[in-house]
Structures are given as C-alpha cells and as structure tokens.
Amino acid sequence: MRFEATAIPGVVRVEAEPRADERGGFARLHCPEEFAAAGVPFVPAQTSLSRNPHAGTLRGLHYQPAPHGEVKLVRVVRGRVFDVAVDLRADSPTHRRWTAVELCAETMTALLIPEGVAHGFLTLEPDTDVLYQIAPAYRPGREAGVRWDDPAFGIDWPAVPALISDRDRTYPDYRA
C-alpha cells in the first residue's frame, strides 16, 4: 500500500497495489502493520456498507464529536463517488477547509478520515457501494453533521445532489 498525505492533516489517501495474473487480481486493502509503519495506526473495529442505487445521491457530511470520535477508512467497492473530508477541528491550521478525492472500485483507492473531520460523498454512478472500516465502533445517538452546502466550507461539488435525506439537507449553519 502507498500512503499519501492530503492538504488536511490526518486525512490520508491510501492506494492499493493490486497484483494480477491469468486468474485475476488480488490486493491488500488493510494491514495494521503497514498502516502503523506509515504513521497511521488504524485498526478497525467495525465494517459497514452503504448501498446507493442512484447516481447523484449525497450522504453527509457526518462525524461523531468527542469523546466518541471515529476514524474511518472509506473505499468504493462498486461504482464511483466524489468523497469529501471537512476539517472541523478548531485548533487545526486547516479548520473549515475541505479536500476531495474521487474513489472508484477500479482503483481501490481509499480515504482515511480522522477524528474531528466530517465526511460525505456524492455518488457519480448508479449502483455505488461504499465500504467503511471504522474505529472505534459506531455509537448510535452520538452522530452529528454539517450541511453539504454550508457557505462556511464552500465545497465545490461536481453536481447538485439529486437525492439527499431531510436530515442531511437541514443541518444548521456551522458555528465554531
């Protein structure tokens, strides 16, 4: 695996290094030792799948505030998304900035989202499945979010969402 820092500290692009032969392909997607050697000590406690039948589906921007913060490793296993991370850490030099990566099943690229950073995505194809590895395990009732189009962030989404939940659409303006 290759690990590439992004413009937001702690948000890391993780590139798989697939091997192929006449049988097909194989790629390691997570190895605690390789992550630790890269300075990214991440051991997932839970794995979840988000199924999205429609292109233009927006999910997010979600996070869990301290003391229940989560680290997420996000990867597309079918389809393609515009994946966004927004820094909500008040003491961060990149507070309120965002970064985005296109994730798709073909490249097997993943994005690591640290605690204090909100996450969301817009599906770019129908029938897109997003795999989350999370640590620690999700705590129901502790979730929070910020609005996908909040002017505090100015995210340059590639399209206007065609489908978004009422909860995600109506988060209040961000205040920090």
C-alpha atoms as a PDB file:
ATOM      1  CA  MET A   1       0.000   0.000   0.000  1.00  0.00           C
ATOM      2  CA  ARG A   2       1.014   3.578  -0.600  1.00  0.00           C
ATOM      3  CA  PHE A   3       0.018   6.376   1.766  1.00  0.00           C
ATOM      4  CA  GLU A   4      -0.319   9.950   0.515  1.00  0.00           C
ATOM      5  CA  ALA A   5      -0.996  12.941   2.762  1.00  0.00           C
ATOM      6  CA  THR A   6      -3.675  15.403   1.631  1.00  0.00           C
ATOM      7  CA  ALA A   7      -3.986  19.138   2.283  1.00  0.00           C
ATOM      8  CA  ILE A   8      -5.729  18.369   5.600  1.00  0.00           C
ATOM      9  CA  PRO A   9      -3.529  16.891   8.352  1.00  0.00           C
ATOM     10  CA  GLY A  10      -4.566  13.326   9.176  1.00  0.00           C
ATOM     11  CA  VAL A  11      -6.648  12.833   6.019  1.00  0.00           C
ATOM     12  CA  VAL A  12      -4.697  10.227   4.074  1.00  0.00           C
ATOM     13  CA  ARG A  13      -5.191   8.780   0.608  1.00  0.00           C
ATOM     14  CA  VAL A  14      -4.457   5.041   0.690  1.00  0.00           C
ATOM     15  CA  GLU A  15      -3.536   3.421  -2.616  1.00  0.00           C
ATOM     16  CA  ALA A  16      -3.821  -0.331  -3.029  1.00  0.00           C
ATOM     17  CA  GLU A  17      -1.114  -2.110  -5.006  1.00  0.00           C
ATOM     18  CA  PRO A  18      -3.003  -4.828  -6.858  1.00  0.00           C
ATOM     19  CA  ARG A  19      -1.290  -7.840  -8.334  1.00  0.00           C
ATOM     20  CA  ALA A  20      -2.738  -9.577 -11.372  1.00  0.00           C
ATOM     21  CA  ASP A  21      -2.192 -12.785 -13.272  1.00  0.00           C
ATOM     22  CA  GLU A  22      -4.249 -15.050 -15.519  1.00  0.00           C
ATOM     23  CA  ARG A  23      -6.612 -15.845 -12.616  1.00  0.00           C
ATOM     24  CA  GLY A  24      -7.482 -12.188 -11.995  1.00  0.00           C
ATOM     25  CA  GLY A  25      -6.296  -9.848  -9.299  1.00  0.00           C
ATOM     26  CA  PHE A  26      -5.543  -9.557  -5.607  1.00  0.00           C
ATOM     27  CA  ALA A  27      -4.863  -6.534  -3.397  1.00  0.00           C
ATOM     28  CA  ARG A  28      -4.283  -5.979   0.295  1.00  0.00           C
ATOM     29  CA  LEU A  29      -6.700  -3.289   1.473  1.00  0.00           C
ATOM     30  CA  HIS A  30      -5.738  -3.018   5.140  1.00  0.00           C
ATOM     31  CA  CYS A  31      -2.810  -4.236   7.196  1.00  0.00           C
ATOM     32  CA  PRO A  32      -2.332  -2.814  10.718  1.00  0.00           C
ATOM     33  CA  GLU A  33       1.454  -3.191  10.464  1.00  0.00           C
ATOM     34  CA  GLU A  34       1.680  -1.295   7.158  1.00  0.00           C
ATOM     35  CA  PHE A  35      -0.611   1.448   8.445  1.00  0.00           C
ATOM     36  CA  ALA A  36       1.449   1.799  11.650  1.00  0.00           C
ATOM     37  CA  ALA A  37       4.717   1.874   9.672  1.00  0.00           C
ATOM     38  CA  ALA A  38       3.259   4.750   7.618  1.00  0.00           C
ATOM     39  CA  GLY A  39       2.412   6.643  10.827  1.00  0.00           C
ATOM     40  CA  VAL A  40      -1.280   5.824  10.557  1.00  0.00           C
ATOM     41  CA  PRO A  41      -2.111   3.498  13.464  1.00  0.00           C
ATOM     42  CA  PHE A  42      -5.578   2.331  12.416  1.00  0.00           C
ATOM     43  CA  VAL A  43      -7.182  -0.947  13.463  1.00  0.00           C
ATOM     44  CA  PRO A  44     -10.873  -1.091  12.517  1.00  0.00           C
ATOM     45  CA  ALA A  45     -13.463  -2.298  14.995  1.00  0.00           C
ATOM     46  CA  GLN A  46     -16.400  -2.329  12.600  1.00  0.00           C
ATOM     47  CA  THR A  47     -17.072  -2.637   8.869  1.00  0.00           C
ATOM     48  CA  SER A  48     -20.196  -1.167   7.235  1.00  0.00           C
ATOM     49  CA  LEU A  49     -21.545  -0.921   3.684  1.00  0.00           C
ATOM     50  CA  SER A  50     -23.527   1.965   2.172  1.00  0.00           C
ATOM     51  CA  ARG A  51     -25.592   0.886  -0.869  1.00  0.00           C
ATOM     52  CA  ASN A  52     -26.648   3.668  -3.225  1.00  0.00           C
ATOM     53  CA  PRO A  53     -28.810   2.693  -6.217  1.00  0.00           C
ATOM     54  CA  HIS A  54     -28.983   6.209  -7.724  1.00  0.00           C
ATOM     55  CA  ALA A  55     -26.338   8.487  -9.197  1.00  0.00           C
ATOM     56  CA  GLY A  56     -26.414  11.905  -7.540  1.00  0.00           C
ATOM     57  CA  THR A  57     -27.060  10.554  -4.040  1.00  0.00           C
ATOM     58  CA  LEU A  58     -25.426  12.689  -1.380  1.00  0.00           C
ATOM     59  CA  ARG A  59     -24.635  11.334   2.089  1.00  0.00           C
ATOM     60  CA  GLY A  60     -23.108  13.582   4.707  1.00  0.00           C
ATOM     61  CA  LEU A  61     -21.423  15.481   5.986  1.00  0.00           C
ATOM     62  CA  HIS A  62     -21.244  13.253   9.089  1.00  0.00           C
ATOM     63  CA  TYR A  63     -18.988  12.879  12.115  1.00  0.00           C
ATOM     64  CA  GLN A  64     -19.107  11.847  15.768  1.00  0.00           C
ATOM     65  CA  PRO A  65     -17.870  14.506  18.199  1.00  0.00           C
ATOM     66  CA  ALA A  66     -15.550  13.768  21.114  1.00  0.00           C
ATOM     67  CA  PRO A  67     -15.471  11.764  23.259  1.00  0.00           C
ATOM     68  CA  HIS A  68     -16.999   9.355  20.698  1.00  0.00           C
ATOM     69  CA  GLY A  69     -14.947  10.428  17.685  1.00  0.00           C
ATOM     70  CA  GLU A  70     -14.364   7.939  14.896  1.00  0.00           C
ATOM     71  CA  VAL A  71     -11.652   7.255  12.379  1.00  0.00           C
ATOM     72  CA  LYS A  72     -12.996   5.947   9.055  1.00  0.00           C
ATOM     73  CA  LEU A  73     -11.319   4.255   6.133  1.00  0.00           C
ATOM     74  CA  VAL A  74     -13.673   4.751   3.179  1.00  0.00           C
ATOM     75  CA  ARG A  75     -13.437   2.770  -0.060  1.00  0.00           C
ATOM     76  CA  VAL A  76     -15.774   2.231  -3.039  1.00  0.00           C
ATOM     77  CA  VAL A  77     -16.293  -1.432  -3.903  1.00  0.00           C
ATOM     78  CA  ARG A  78     -18.728  -0.785  -6.764  1.00  0.00           C
ATOM     79  CA  GLY A  79     -19.255   2.417  -8.730  1.00  0.00           C
ATOM     80  CA  ARG A  80     -17.720   5.841  -8.168  1.00  0.00           C
ATOM     81  CA  VAL A  81     -18.044   8.746  -5.681  1.00  0.00           C
ATOM     82  CA  PHE A  82     -16.771  12.256  -5.072  1.00  0.00           C
ATOM     83  CA  ASP A  83     -15.568  11.796  -1.477  1.00  0.00           C
ATOM     84  CA  VAL A  84     -15.178  14.846   0.789  1.00  0.00           C
ATOM     85  CA  ALA A  85     -13.477  15.474   4.135  1.00  0.00           C
ATOM     86  CA  VAL A  86     -14.042  18.761   6.039  1.00  0.00           C
ATOM     87  CA  ASP A  87     -11.773  19.731   8.939  1.00  0.00           C
ATOM     88  CA  LEU A  88     -13.899  20.680  11.973  1.00  0.00           C
ATOM     89  CA  ARG A  89     -11.021  20.665  14.479  1.00  0.00           C
ATOM     90  CA  ALA A  90     -10.982  24.186  15.953  1.00  0.00           C
ATOM     91  CA  ASP A  91      -7.249  24.017  16.750  1.00  0.00           C
ATOM     92  CA  SER A  92      -6.262  22.791  13.271  1.00  0.00           C
ATOM     93  CA  PRO A  93      -4.443  25.070  10.795  1.00  0.00           C
ATOM     94  CA  THR A  94      -6.876  23.779   8.148  1.00  0.00           C
ATOM     95  CA  HIS A  95     -10.045  24.348  10.216  1.00  0.00           C
ATOM     96  CA  ARG A  96     -13.096  24.667   7.910  1.00  0.00           C
ATOM     97  CA  ARG A  97     -11.121  23.607   4.824  1.00  0.00           C
ATOM     98  CA  TRP A  98     -12.069  20.610   2.724  1.00  0.00           C
ATOM     99  CA  THR A  99     -10.391  18.128   0.450  1.00  0.00           C
ATOM    100  CA  ALA A 100     -11.923  15.682  -2.008  1.00  0.00           C
ATOM    101  CA  VAL A 101     -10.873  12.523  -3.804  1.00  0.00           C
ATOM    102  CA  GLU A 102     -12.719  10.566  -6.460  1.00  0.00           C
ATOM    103  CA  LEU A 103     -12.969   6.997  -5.221  1.00  0.00           C
ATOM    104  CA  CYS A 104     -13.879   4.151  -7.545  1.00  0.00           C
ATOM    105  CA  ALA A 105     -13.940   0.381  -7.437  1.00  0.00           C
ATOM    106  CA  GLU A 106     -11.376   0.030 -10.232  1.00  0.00           C
ATOM    107  CA  THR A 107      -8.529   1.871  -8.470  1.00  0.00           C
ATOM    108  CA  MET A 108      -9.331   0.568  -4.961  1.00  0.00           C
ATOM    109  CA  THR A 109      -8.145   3.908  -3.523  1.00  0.00           C
ATOM    110  CA  ALA A 110      -9.373   4.667  -0.003  1.00  0.00           C
ATOM    111  CA  LEU A 111      -9.550   7.816   2.096  1.00  0.00           C
ATOM    112  CA  LEU A 112      -8.735   7.777   5.803  1.00  0.00           C
ATOM    113  CA  ILE A 113     -10.840  10.304   7.743  1.00  0.00           C
ATOM    114  CA  PRO A 114      -9.509  11.123  11.254  1.00  0.00           C
ATOM    115  CA  GLU A 115     -11.481  12.168  14.335  1.00  0.00           C
ATOM    116  CA  GLY A 116     -12.810  15.714  14.118  1.00  0.00           C
ATOM    117  CA  VAL A 117     -13.184  15.629  10.343  1.00  0.00           C
ATOM    118  CA  ALA A 118     -16.644  15.417   8.759  1.00  0.00           C
ATOM    119  CA  HIS A 119     -17.166  13.055   5.830  1.00  0.00           C
ATOM    120  CA  GLY A 120     -19.605  12.903   2.950  1.00  0.00           C
ATOM    121  CA  PHE A 121     -19.867  11.741  -0.629  1.00  0.00           C
ATOM    122  CA  LEU A 122     -21.822  12.228  -3.828  1.00  0.00           C
ATOM    123  CA  THR A 123     -22.370   9.153  -6.000  1.00  0.00           C
ATOM    124  CA  LEU A 124     -21.237   9.659  -9.582  1.00  0.00           C
ATOM    125  CA  GLU A 125     -22.720   6.419 -10.928  1.00  0.00           C
ATOM    126  CA  PRO A 126     -25.810   4.347 -10.167  1.00  0.00           C
ATOM    127  CA  ASP A 127     -25.414   1.230  -8.042  1.00  0.00           C
ATOM    128  CA  THR A 128     -22.474   2.522  -5.999  1.00  0.00           C
ATOM    129  CA  ASP A 129     -21.424   0.690  -2.830  1.00  0.00           C
ATOM    130  CA  VAL A 130     -19.176   2.348  -0.244  1.00  0.00           C
ATOM    131  CA  LEU A 131     -17.325   0.259   2.341  1.00  0.00           C
ATOM    132  CA  TYR A 132     -16.468   1.843   5.693  1.00  0.00           C
ATOM    133  CA  GLN A 133     -13.986   0.465   8.205  1.00  0.00           C
ATOM    134  CA  ILE A 134     -14.456   2.312  11.495  1.00  0.00           C
ATOM    135  CA  ALA A 135     -12.620   2.606  14.807  1.00  0.00           C
ATOM    136  CA  PRO A 136     -13.905   2.605  17.418  1.00  0.00           C
ATOM    137  CA  ALA A 137     -17.291   1.072  16.610  1.00  0.00           C
ATOM    138  CA  TYR A 138     -20.138   3.447  15.715  1.00  0.00           C
ATOM    139  CA  ARG A 139     -22.060   4.757  18.745  1.00  0.00           C
ATOM    140  CA  PRO A 140     -25.782   5.227  17.937  1.00  0.00           C
ATOM    141  CA  GLY A 141     -27.178   8.532  19.120  1.00  0.00           C
ATOM    142  CA  ARG A 142     -23.760  10.225  19.115  1.00  0.00           C
ATOM    143  CA  GLU A 143     -23.718  11.242  15.448  1.00  0.00           C
ATOM    144  CA  ALA A 144     -23.621  14.821  14.218  1.00  0.00           C
ATOM    145  CA  GLY A 145     -23.331  16.575  10.900  1.00  0.00           C
ATOM    146  CA  VAL A 146     -22.844  19.744   8.944  1.00  0.00           C
ATOM    147  CA  ARG A 147     -24.748  20.765   5.835  1.00  0.00           C
ATOM    148  CA  TRP A 148     -23.300  19.704   2.485  1.00  0.00           C
ATOM    149  CA  ASP A 149     -23.707  23.219   1.013  1.00  0.00           C
ATOM    150  CA  ASP A 150     -22.794  25.278   4.096  1.00  0.00           C
ATOM    151  CA  PRO A 151     -21.101  28.504   2.925  1.00  0.00           C
ATOM    152  CA  ALA A 152     -18.600  28.162   5.800  1.00  0.00           C
ATOM    153  CA  PHE A 153     -16.857  25.467   3.731  1.00  0.00           C
ATOM    154  CA  GLY A 154     -17.575  26.372   0.093  1.00  0.00           C
ATOM    155  CA  ILE A 155     -17.294  22.805  -1.169  1.00  0.00           C
ATOM    156  CA  ASP A 156     -17.115  22.624  -4.954  1.00  0.00           C
ATOM    157  CA  TRP A 157     -19.331  19.594  -5.549  1.00  0.00           C
ATOM    158  CA  PRO A 158     -19.258  18.265  -9.142  1.00  0.00           C
ATOM    159  CA  ALA A 159     -23.075  18.305  -9.346  1.00  0.00           C
ATOM    160  CA  VAL A 160     -26.150  19.293  -7.376  1.00  0.00           C
ATOM    161  CA  PRO A 161     -27.438  16.268  -5.443  1.00  0.00           C
ATOM    162  CA  ALA A 162     -30.460  14.505  -6.917  1.00  0.00           C
ATOM    163  CA  LEU A 163     -31.189  12.620  -3.686  1.00  0.00           C
ATOM    164  CA  ILE A 164     -30.386  13.689  -0.126  1.00  0.00           C
ATOM    165  CA  SER A 165     -32.021  12.898   3.212  1.00  0.00           C
ATOM    166  CA  ASP A 166     -34.008  15.560   5.067  1.00  0.00           C
ATOM    167  CA  ARG A 167     -31.551  15.276   7.964  1.00  0.00           C
ATOM    168  CA  ASP A 168     -28.522  15.950   5.750  1.00  0.00           C
ATOM    169  CA  ARG A 169     -30.294  18.759   3.877  1.00  0.00           C
ATOM    170  CA  THR A 170     -31.336  20.631   7.026  1.00  0.00           C
ATOM    171  CA  TYR A 171     -28.289  20.641   9.290  1.00  0.00           C
ATOM    172  CA  PRO A 172     -27.868  24.191  10.665  1.00  0.00           C
ATOM    173  CA  ASP A 173     -25.072  26.530   9.583  1.00  0.00           C
ATOM    174  CA  TYR A 174     -21.700  25.594  11.044  1.00  0.00           C
ATOM    175  CA  ARG A 175     -20.538  27.621  14.012  1.00  0.00           C
ATOM    176  CA  ALA A 176     -17.110  27.267  15.601  1.00  0.00           C
END
